[in-house]
Amino acid sequence: MMVAEEDNNLIDFDPKYPCILPDDWKEKNSPSVYEILATTNTLKRMYADKVKEIEEGITSNKLGEEALRNIATNYQTIKSLLFQSR
C-alpha cells in the first residue's frame, strides 16, 4: 500500500484564467493576460493623446516630450517583462 507524503513544495492551483505561465500560480495577484493587454492599450492611448496635445499646443514641447518618454518607457518595460529572452 502506497502512502502519500505531504509535500510543502507543491503549488495550490488557483483557476484564475488565463494565467500567463504556470509560475504565476505561485502569486495569487499575478495579472491576467487581459489585464496586461488593457494596460498596454491604455499606454498606447495615453501616448496618442499626448501627441495630439503637443500638436494642438495644449502642452509645451518640453513637458510633452518628457511625458512621451515616460509613457514609452513604461510600455517597453511591460513588453520586456513579457518577452524575456530564455
PDB file of N, CA and C in Angstrom:
ATOM      1  N   MET A   1       0.849  -1.184   0.000  1.00  0.00           N
ATOM      2  CA  MET A   1       0.000   0.000   0.000  1.00  0.00           C
ATOM      3  C   MET A   1       0.892   1.243   0.000  1.00  0.00           C
ATOM      4  N   MET A   2       0.582   2.191  -0.871  1.00  0.00           N
ATOM      5  CA  MET A   2       1.382   3.405  -1.013  1.00  0.00           C
ATOM      6  C   MET A   2       0.761   4.533  -0.183  1.00  0.00           C
ATOM      7  N   VAL A   3       1.574   5.168   0.625  1.00  0.00           N
ATOM      8  CA  VAL A   3       1.106   6.264   1.468  1.00  0.00           C
ATOM      9  C   VAL A   3       1.621   7.570   0.863  1.00  0.00           C
ATOM     10  N   ALA A   4       0.708   8.512   0.650  1.00  0.00           N
ATOM     11  CA  ALA A   4       1.089   9.808   0.087  1.00  0.00           C
ATOM     12  C   ALA A   4       1.728  10.659   1.174  1.00  0.00           C
ATOM     13  N   GLU A   5       2.862  11.214   0.861  1.00  0.00           N
ATOM     14  CA  GLU A   5       3.540  12.097   1.795  1.00  0.00           C
ATOM     15  C   GLU A   5       3.158  13.534   1.478  1.00  0.00           C
ATOM     16  N   GLU A   6       3.114  14.341   2.505  1.00  0.00           N
ATOM     17  CA  GLU A   6       2.792  15.744   2.294  1.00  0.00           C
ATOM     18  C   GLU A   6       4.011  16.458   1.724  1.00  0.00           C
ATOM     19  N   ASP A   7       3.806  17.224   0.686  1.00  0.00           N
ATOM     20  CA  ASP A   7       4.897  17.937   0.031  1.00  0.00           C
ATOM     21  C   ASP A   7       4.622  19.432   0.127  1.00  0.00           C
ATOM     22  N   ASN A   8       5.440  20.131   0.862  1.00  0.00           N
ATOM     23  CA  ASN A   8       5.241  21.573   1.033  1.00  0.00           C
ATOM     24  C   ASN A   8       5.661  22.376  -0.177  1.00  0.00           C
ATOM     25  N   ASN A   9       6.291  21.739  -1.158  1.00  0.00           N
ATOM     26  CA  ASN A   9       6.738  22.455  -2.345  1.00  0.00           C
ATOM     27  C   ASN A   9       5.668  22.524  -3.428  1.00  0.00           C
ATOM     28  N   LEU A  10       4.555  21.848  -3.237  1.00  0.00           N
ATOM     29  CA  LEU A  10       3.500  21.884  -4.239  1.00  0.00           C
ATOM     30  C   LEU A  10       2.812  23.243  -4.228  1.00  0.00           C
ATOM     31  N   ILE A  11       2.366  23.654  -5.389  1.00  0.00           N
ATOM     32  CA  ILE A  11       1.691  24.938  -5.532  1.00  0.00           C
ATOM     33  C   ILE A  11       0.197  24.677  -5.651  1.00  0.00           C
ATOM     34  N   ASP A  12      -0.593  25.364  -4.861  1.00  0.00           N
ATOM     35  CA  ASP A  12      -2.041  25.240  -4.986  1.00  0.00           C
ATOM     36  C   ASP A  12      -2.483  25.912  -6.275  1.00  0.00           C
ATOM     37  N   PHE A  13      -3.251  25.202  -7.052  1.00  0.00           N
ATOM     38  CA  PHE A  13      -3.735  25.747  -8.319  1.00  0.00           C
ATOM     39  C   PHE A  13      -4.905  26.670  -8.057  1.00  0.00           C
ATOM     40  N   ASP A  14      -4.811  27.868  -8.557  1.00  0.00           N
ATOM     41  CA  ASP A  14      -5.905  28.834  -8.478  1.00  0.00           C
ATOM     42  C   ASP A  14      -6.381  29.055  -9.903  1.00  0.00           C
ATOM     43  N   PRO A  15      -7.577  28.641 -10.232  1.00  0.00           N
ATOM     44  CA  PRO A  15      -8.014  28.680 -11.631  1.00  0.00           C
ATOM     45  C   PRO A  15      -8.381  30.069 -12.139  1.00  0.00           C
ATOM     46  N   LYS A  16      -7.551  31.046 -11.855  1.00  0.00           N
ATOM     47  CA  LYS A  16      -7.770  32.389 -12.398  1.00  0.00           C
ATOM     48  C   LYS A  16      -7.310  32.349 -13.849  1.00  0.00           C
ATOM     49  N   TYR A  17      -8.223  32.173 -14.730  1.00  0.00           N
ATOM     50  CA  TYR A  17      -7.874  32.025 -16.141  1.00  0.00           C
ATOM     51  C   TYR A  17      -7.916  33.373 -16.795  1.00  0.00           C
ATOM     52  N   PRO A  18      -7.055  33.692 -17.712  1.00  0.00           N
ATOM     53  CA  PRO A  18      -5.911  32.878 -18.107  1.00  0.00           C
ATOM     54  C   PRO A  18      -4.666  33.297 -17.344  1.00  0.00           C
ATOM     55  N   CYS A  19      -3.889  32.381 -16.964  1.00  0.00           N
ATOM     56  CA  CYS A  19      -2.591  32.671 -16.348  1.00  0.00           C
ATOM     57  C   CYS A  19      -1.555  32.736 -17.450  1.00  0.00           C
ATOM     58  N   ILE A  20      -0.559  33.555 -17.273  1.00  0.00           N
ATOM     59  CA  ILE A  20       0.455  33.708 -18.308  1.00  0.00           C
ATOM     60  C   ILE A  20       1.364  32.490 -18.341  1.00  0.00           C
ATOM     61  N   LEU A  21       1.872  32.105 -17.203  1.00  0.00           N
ATOM     62  CA  LEU A  21       2.760  30.951 -17.088  1.00  0.00           C
ATOM     63  C   LEU A  21       2.414  30.205 -15.814  1.00  0.00           C
ATOM     64  N   PRO A  22       2.675  28.908 -15.756  1.00  0.00           N
ATOM     65  CA  PRO A  22       2.406  28.175 -14.513  1.00  0.00           C
ATOM     66  C   PRO A  22       3.110  28.769 -13.304  1.00  0.00           C
ATOM     67  N   ASP A  23       4.264  29.398 -13.498  1.00  0.00           N
ATOM     68  CA  ASP A  23       4.949  30.031 -12.371  1.00  0.00           C
ATOM     69  C   ASP A  23       4.099  31.119 -11.727  1.00  0.00           C
ATOM     70  N   ASP A  24       3.202  31.708 -12.510  1.00  0.00           N
ATOM     71  CA  ASP A  24       2.358  32.768 -11.981  1.00  0.00           C
ATOM     72  C   ASP A  24       1.337  32.246 -10.973  1.00  0.00           C
ATOM     73  N   TRP A  25       1.122  30.954 -10.918  1.00  0.00           N
ATOM     74  CA  TRP A  25       0.179  30.400  -9.951  1.00  0.00           C
ATOM     75  C   TRP A  25       0.682  30.600  -8.538  1.00  0.00           C
ATOM     76  N   LYS A  26       1.984  30.760  -8.375  1.00  0.00           N
ATOM     77  CA  LYS A  26       2.543  30.991  -7.040  1.00  0.00           C
ATOM     78  C   LYS A  26       2.026  32.302  -6.463  1.00  0.00           C
ATOM     79  N   GLU A  27       1.871  33.281  -7.327  1.00  0.00           N
ATOM     80  CA  GLU A  27       1.462  34.622  -6.911  1.00  0.00           C
ATOM     81  C   GLU A  27      -0.013  34.806  -7.240  1.00  0.00           C
ATOM     82  N   LYS A  28      -0.842  34.854  -6.193  1.00  0.00           N
ATOM     83  CA  LYS A  28      -2.299  34.935  -6.395  1.00  0.00           C
ATOM     84  C   LYS A  28      -2.719  36.204  -7.134  1.00  0.00           C
ATOM     85  N   ASN A  29      -1.951  37.268  -7.010  1.00  0.00           N
ATOM     86  CA  ASN A  29      -2.339  38.540  -7.620  1.00  0.00           C
ATOM     87  C   ASN A  29      -1.643  38.805  -8.945  1.00  0.00           C
ATOM     88  N   SER A  30      -1.105  37.792  -9.573  1.00  0.00           N
ATOM     89  CA  SER A  30      -0.467  37.985 -10.874  1.00  0.00           C
ATOM     90  C   SER A  30      -1.505  38.482 -11.875  1.00  0.00           C
ATOM     91  N   PRO A  31      -1.117  39.414 -12.725  1.00  0.00           N
ATOM     92  CA  PRO A  31      -2.096  39.938 -13.682  1.00  0.00           C
ATOM     93  C   PRO A  31      -2.428  38.907 -14.745  1.00  0.00           C
ATOM     94  N   SER A  32      -3.668  38.944 -15.202  1.00  0.00           N
ATOM     95  CA  SER A  32      -4.086  38.053 -16.285  1.00  0.00           C
ATOM     96  C   SER A  32      -3.647  38.671 -17.614  1.00  0.00           C
ATOM     97  N   VAL A  33      -3.768  37.895 -18.662  1.00  0.00           N
ATOM     98  CA  VAL A  33      -3.436  38.393 -19.992  1.00  0.00           C
ATOM     99  C   VAL A  33      -4.305  39.604 -20.325  1.00  0.00           C
ATOM    100  N   TYR A  34      -5.566  39.553 -19.937  1.00  0.00           N
ATOM    101  CA  TYR A  34      -6.476  40.655 -20.229  1.00  0.00           C
ATOM    102  C   TYR A  34      -6.073  41.932 -19.502  1.00  0.00           C
ATOM    103  N   GLU A  35      -5.614  41.812 -18.277  1.00  0.00           N
ATOM    104  CA  GLU A  35      -5.181  42.988 -17.518  1.00  0.00           C
ATOM    105  C   GLU A  35      -3.928  43.601 -18.134  1.00  0.00           C
ATOM    106  N   ILE A  36      -3.014  42.773 -18.577  1.00  0.00           N
ATOM    107  CA  ILE A  36      -1.796  43.282 -19.219  1.00  0.00           C
ATOM    108  C   ILE A  36      -2.143  43.947 -20.545  1.00  0.00           C
ATOM    109  N   LEU A  37      -3.030  43.326 -21.305  1.00  0.00           N
ATOM    110  CA  LEU A  37      -3.449  43.906 -22.581  1.00  0.00           C
ATOM    111  C   LEU A  37      -4.137  45.252 -22.367  1.00  0.00           C
ATOM    112  N   ALA A  38      -4.984  45.329 -21.351  1.00  0.00           N
ATOM    113  CA  ALA A  38      -5.663  46.597 -21.051  1.00  0.00           C
ATOM    114  C   ALA A  38      -4.648  47.678 -20.682  1.00  0.00           C
ATOM    115  N   THR A  39      -3.629  47.308 -19.928  1.00  0.00           N
ATOM    116  CA  THR A  39      -2.602  48.268 -19.531  1.00  0.00           C
ATOM    117  C   THR A  39      -1.815  48.767 -20.736  1.00  0.00           C
ATOM    118  N   THR A  40      -1.393  47.852 -21.612  1.00  0.00           N
ATOM    119  CA  THR A  40      -0.626  48.289 -22.787  1.00  0.00           C
ATOM    120  C   THR A  40      -1.493  49.121 -23.728  1.00  0.00           C
ATOM    121  N   ASN A  41      -2.760  48.763 -23.863  1.00  0.00           N
ATOM    122  CA  ASN A  41      -3.652  49.562 -24.716  1.00  0.00           C
ATOM    123  C   ASN A  41      -3.877  50.950 -24.127  1.00  0.00           C
ATOM    124  N   THR A  42      -3.964  51.044 -22.806  1.00  0.00           N
ATOM    125  CA  THR A  42      -4.115  52.341 -22.150  1.00  0.00           C
ATOM    126  C   THR A  42      -2.882  53.203 -22.386  1.00  0.00           C
ATOM    127  N   LEU A  43      -1.699  52.605 -22.284  1.00  0.00           N
ATOM    128  CA  LEU A  43      -0.467  53.362 -22.526  1.00  0.00           C
ATOM    129  C   LEU A  43      -0.391  53.851 -23.969  1.00  0.00           C
ATOM    130  N   LYS A  44      -0.830  53.027 -24.916  1.00  0.00           N
ATOM    131  CA  LYS A  44      -0.848  53.453 -26.321  1.00  0.00           C
ATOM    132  C   LYS A  44      -1.780  54.648 -26.509  1.00  0.00           C
ATOM    133  N   ARG A  45      -2.960  54.579 -25.861  1.00  0.00           N
ATOM    134  CA  ARG A  45      -3.919  55.672 -25.982  1.00  0.00           C
ATOM    135  C   ARG A  45      -3.385  56.937 -25.328  1.00  0.00           C
ATOM    136  N   MET A  46      -2.735  56.788 -24.163  1.00  0.00           N
ATOM    137  CA  MET A  46      -2.139  57.942 -23.493  1.00  0.00           C
ATOM    138  C   MET A  46      -1.080  58.593 -24.379  1.00  0.00           C
ATOM    139  N   TYR A  47      -0.289  57.769 -25.055  1.00  0.00           N
ATOM    140  CA  TYR A  47       0.759  58.285 -25.943  1.00  0.00           C
ATOM    141  C   TYR A  47       0.131  59.090 -27.079  1.00  0.00           C
ATOM    142  N   ALA A  48      -0.895  58.514 -27.709  1.00  0.00           N
ATOM    143  CA  ALA A  48      -1.569  59.202 -28.825  1.00  0.00           C
ATOM    144  C   ALA A  48      -2.221  60.505 -28.363  1.00  0.00           C
ATOM    145  N   ASP A  49      -2.847  60.490 -27.189  1.00  0.00           N
ATOM    146  CA  ASP A  49      -3.479  61.703 -26.652  1.00  0.00           C
ATOM    147  C   ASP A  49      -2.440  62.781 -26.366  1.00  0.00           C
ATOM    148  N   LYS A  50      -1.279  62.369 -25.844  1.00  0.00           N
ATOM    149  CA  LYS A  50      -0.231  63.345 -25.531  1.00  0.00           C
ATOM    150  C   LYS A  50       0.338  63.955 -26.807  1.00  0.00           C
ATOM    151  N   VAL A  51       0.509  63.134 -27.854  1.00  0.00           N
ATOM    152  CA  VAL A  51       0.979  63.658 -29.144  1.00  0.00           C
ATOM    153  C   VAL A  51      -0.009  64.691 -29.672  1.00  0.00           C
ATOM    154  N   LYS A  52      -1.299  64.390 -29.548  1.00  0.00           N
ATOM    155  CA  LYS A  52      -2.326  65.324 -30.009  1.00  0.00           C
ATOM    156  C   LYS A  52      -2.268  66.641 -29.219  1.00  0.00           C
ATOM    157  N   GLU A  53      -2.057  66.543 -27.896  1.00  0.00           N
ATOM    158  CA  GLU A  53      -1.946  67.748 -27.062  1.00  0.00           C
ATOM    159  C   GLU A  53      -0.749  68.599 -27.479  1.00  0.00           C
ATOM    160  N   ILE A  54       0.360  67.954 -27.805  1.00  0.00           N
ATOM    161  CA  ILE A  54       1.551  68.696 -28.238  1.00  0.00           C
ATOM    162  C   ILE A  54       1.285  69.385 -29.570  1.00  0.00           C
ATOM    163  N   GLU A  55       0.666  68.657 -30.502  1.00  0.00           N
ATOM    164  CA  GLU A  55       0.383  69.228 -31.817  1.00  0.00           C
ATOM    165  C   GLU A  55      -0.586  70.402 -31.728  1.00  0.00           C
ATOM    166  N   GLU A  56      -1.538  70.323 -30.799  1.00  0.00           N
ATOM    167  CA  GLU A  56      -2.529  71.392 -30.649  1.00  0.00           C
ATOM    168  C   GLU A  56      -2.019  72.536 -29.776  1.00  0.00           C
ATOM    169  N   GLY A  57      -0.838  72.388 -29.192  1.00  0.00           N
ATOM    170  CA  GLY A  57      -0.265  73.444 -28.364  1.00  0.00           C
ATOM    171  C   GLY A  57      -0.785  73.477 -26.942  1.00  0.00           C
ATOM    172  N   ILE A  58      -1.538  72.466 -26.535  1.00  0.00           N
ATOM    173  CA  ILE A  58      -2.063  72.414 -25.170  1.00  0.00           C
ATOM    174  C   ILE A  58      -0.932  72.171 -24.175  1.00  0.00           C
ATOM    175  N   THR A  59       0.018  71.336 -24.569  1.00  0.00           N
ATOM    176  CA  THR A  59       1.176  71.008 -23.737  1.00  0.00           C
ATOM    177  C   THR A  59       2.427  71.513 -24.433  1.00  0.00           C
ATOM    178  N   SER A  60       3.356  72.063 -23.661  1.00  0.00           N
ATOM    179  CA  SER A  60       4.610  72.541 -24.254  1.00  0.00           C
ATOM    180  C   SER A  60       5.416  71.356 -24.777  1.00  0.00           C
ATOM    181  N   ASN A  61       6.277  71.645 -25.733  1.00  0.00           N
ATOM    182  CA  ASN A  61       7.103  70.585 -26.312  1.00  0.00           C
ATOM    183  C   ASN A  61       7.980  69.915 -25.263  1.00  0.00           C
ATOM    184  N   LYS A  62       8.569  70.706 -24.378  1.00  0.00           N
ATOM    185  CA  LYS A  62       9.476  70.148 -23.381  1.00  0.00           C
ATOM    186  C   LYS A  62       8.746  69.192 -22.433  1.00  0.00           C
ATOM    187  N   LEU A  63       7.612  69.647 -21.888  1.00  0.00           N
ATOM    188  CA  LEU A  63       6.837  68.794 -20.975  1.00  0.00           C
ATOM    189  C   LEU A  63       6.223  67.608 -21.716  1.00  0.00           C
ATOM    190  N   GLY A  64       5.786  67.852 -22.927  1.00  0.00           N
ATOM    191  CA  GLY A  64       5.185  66.791 -23.727  1.00  0.00           C
ATOM    192  C   GLY A  64       6.168  65.680 -24.064  1.00  0.00           C
ATOM    193  N   GLU A  65       7.378  66.077 -24.437  1.00  0.00           N
ATOM    194  CA  GLU A  65       8.396  65.079 -24.770  1.00  0.00           C
ATOM    195  C   GLU A  65       8.774  64.256 -23.547  1.00  0.00           C
ATOM    196  N   GLU A  66       8.835  64.888 -22.386  1.00  0.00           N
ATOM    197  CA  GLU A  66       9.129  64.152 -21.156  1.00  0.00           C
ATOM    198  C   GLU A  66       8.020  63.145 -20.849  1.00  0.00           C
ATOM    199  N   ALA A  67       6.776  63.580 -21.014  1.00  0.00           N
ATOM    200  CA  ALA A  67       5.645  62.677 -20.777  1.00  0.00           C
ATOM    201  C   ALA A  67       5.659  61.511 -21.775  1.00  0.00           C
ATOM    202  N   LEU A  68       5.974  61.808 -23.033  1.00  0.00           N
ATOM    203  CA  LEU A  68       6.043  60.746 -24.040  1.00  0.00           C
ATOM    204  C   LEU A  68       7.139  59.739 -23.707  1.00  0.00           C
ATOM    205  N   ARG A  69       8.275  60.245 -23.240  1.00  0.00           N
ATOM    206  CA  ARG A  69       9.370  59.345 -22.833  1.00  0.00           C
ATOM    207  C   ARG A  69       8.941  58.437 -21.690  1.00  0.00           C
ATOM    208  N   ASN A  70       8.253  58.993 -20.710  1.00  0.00           N
ATOM    209  CA  ASN A  70       7.795  58.197 -19.564  1.00  0.00           C
ATOM    210  C   ASN A  70       6.788  57.128 -19.992  1.00  0.00           C
ATOM    211  N   ILE A  71       5.855  57.506 -20.837  1.00  0.00           N
ATOM    212  CA  ILE A  71       4.857  56.546 -21.315  1.00  0.00           C
ATOM    213  C   ILE A  71       5.536  55.439 -22.114  1.00  0.00           C
ATOM    214  N   ALA A  72       6.449  55.816 -23.003  1.00  0.00           N
ATOM    215  CA  ALA A  72       7.151  54.822 -23.819  1.00  0.00           C
ATOM    216  C   ALA A  72       8.005  53.901 -22.957  1.00  0.00           C
ATOM    217  N   THR A  73       8.624  54.438 -21.923  1.00  0.00           N
ATOM    218  CA  THR A  73       9.437  53.621 -21.018  1.00  0.00           C
ATOM    219  C   THR A  73       8.564  52.599 -20.294  1.00  0.00           C
ATOM    220  N   ASN A  74       7.417  53.039 -19.811  1.00  0.00           N
ATOM    221  CA  ASN A  74       6.502  52.112 -19.141  1.00  0.00           C
ATOM    222  C   ASN A  74       6.043  51.005 -20.087  1.00  0.00           C
ATOM    223  N   TYR A  75       5.716  51.378 -21.314  1.00  0.00           N
ATOM    224  CA  TYR A  75       5.259  50.399 -22.301  1.00  0.00           C
ATOM    225  C   TYR A  75       6.363  49.387 -22.606  1.00  0.00           C
ATOM    226  N   GLN A  76       7.564  49.878 -22.825  1.00  0.00           N
ATOM    227  CA  GLN A  76       8.679  48.980 -23.142  1.00  0.00           C
ATOM    228  C   GLN A  76       9.027  48.075 -21.960  1.00  0.00           C
ATOM    229  N   THR A  77       8.886  48.585 -20.741  1.00  0.00           N
ATOM    230  CA  THR A  77       9.164  47.772 -19.563  1.00  0.00           C
ATOM    231  C   THR A  77       8.194  46.597 -19.482  1.00  0.00           C
ATOM    232  N   ILE A  78       6.920  46.870 -19.707  1.00  0.00           N
ATOM    233  CA  ILE A  78       5.924  45.792 -19.687  1.00  0.00           C
ATOM    234  C   ILE A  78       6.216  44.779 -20.786  1.00  0.00           C
ATOM    235  N   LYS A  79       6.511  45.266 -21.987  1.00  0.00           N
ATOM    236  CA  LYS A  79       6.808  44.363 -23.100  1.00  0.00           C
ATOM    237  C   LYS A  79       8.055  43.524 -22.814  1.00  0.00           C
ATOM    238  N   SER A  80       9.062  44.121 -22.232  1.00  0.00           N
ATOM    239  CA  SER A  80      10.295  43.368 -21.975  1.00  0.00           C
ATOM    240  C   SER A  80      10.078  42.299 -20.906  1.00  0.00           C
ATOM    241  N   LEU A  81       9.193  42.557 -19.957  1.00  0.00           N
ATOM    242  CA  LEU A  81       8.881  41.547 -18.943  1.00  0.00           C
ATOM    243  C   LEU A  81       8.158  40.349 -19.565  1.00  0.00           C
ATOM    244  N   LEU A  82       7.315  40.643 -20.543  1.00  0.00           N
ATOM    245  CA  LEU A  82       6.550  39.567 -21.170  1.00  0.00           C
ATOM    246  C   LEU A  82       7.375  38.736 -22.117  1.00  0.00           C
ATOM    247  N   PHE A  83       8.309  39.381 -22.789  1.00  0.00           N
ATOM    248  CA  PHE A  83       9.068  38.689 -23.837  1.00  0.00           C
ATOM    249  C   PHE A  83      10.547  38.616 -23.496  1.00  0.00           C
ATOM    250  N   GLN A  84      10.851  38.138 -22.295  1.00  0.00           N
ATOM    251  CA  GLN A  84      12.250  37.990 -21.889  1.00  0.00           C
ATOM    252  C   GLN A  84      12.884  36.863 -22.689  1.00  0.00           C
ATOM    253  N   SER A  85      14.140  37.064 -23.070  1.00  0.00           N
ATOM    254  CA  SER A  85      14.835  36.007 -23.778  1.00  0.00           C
ATOM    255  C   SER A  85      15.133  34.873 -22.812  1.00  0.00           C
ATOM    256  N   ARG A  86      15.082  33.668 -23.321  1.00  0.00           N
ATOM    257  CA  ARG A  86      15.273  32.481 -22.455  1.00  0.00           C
ATOM    258  C   ARG A  86      16.580  31.851 -22.706  1.00  0.00           C
TER     259      ARG A  86
END
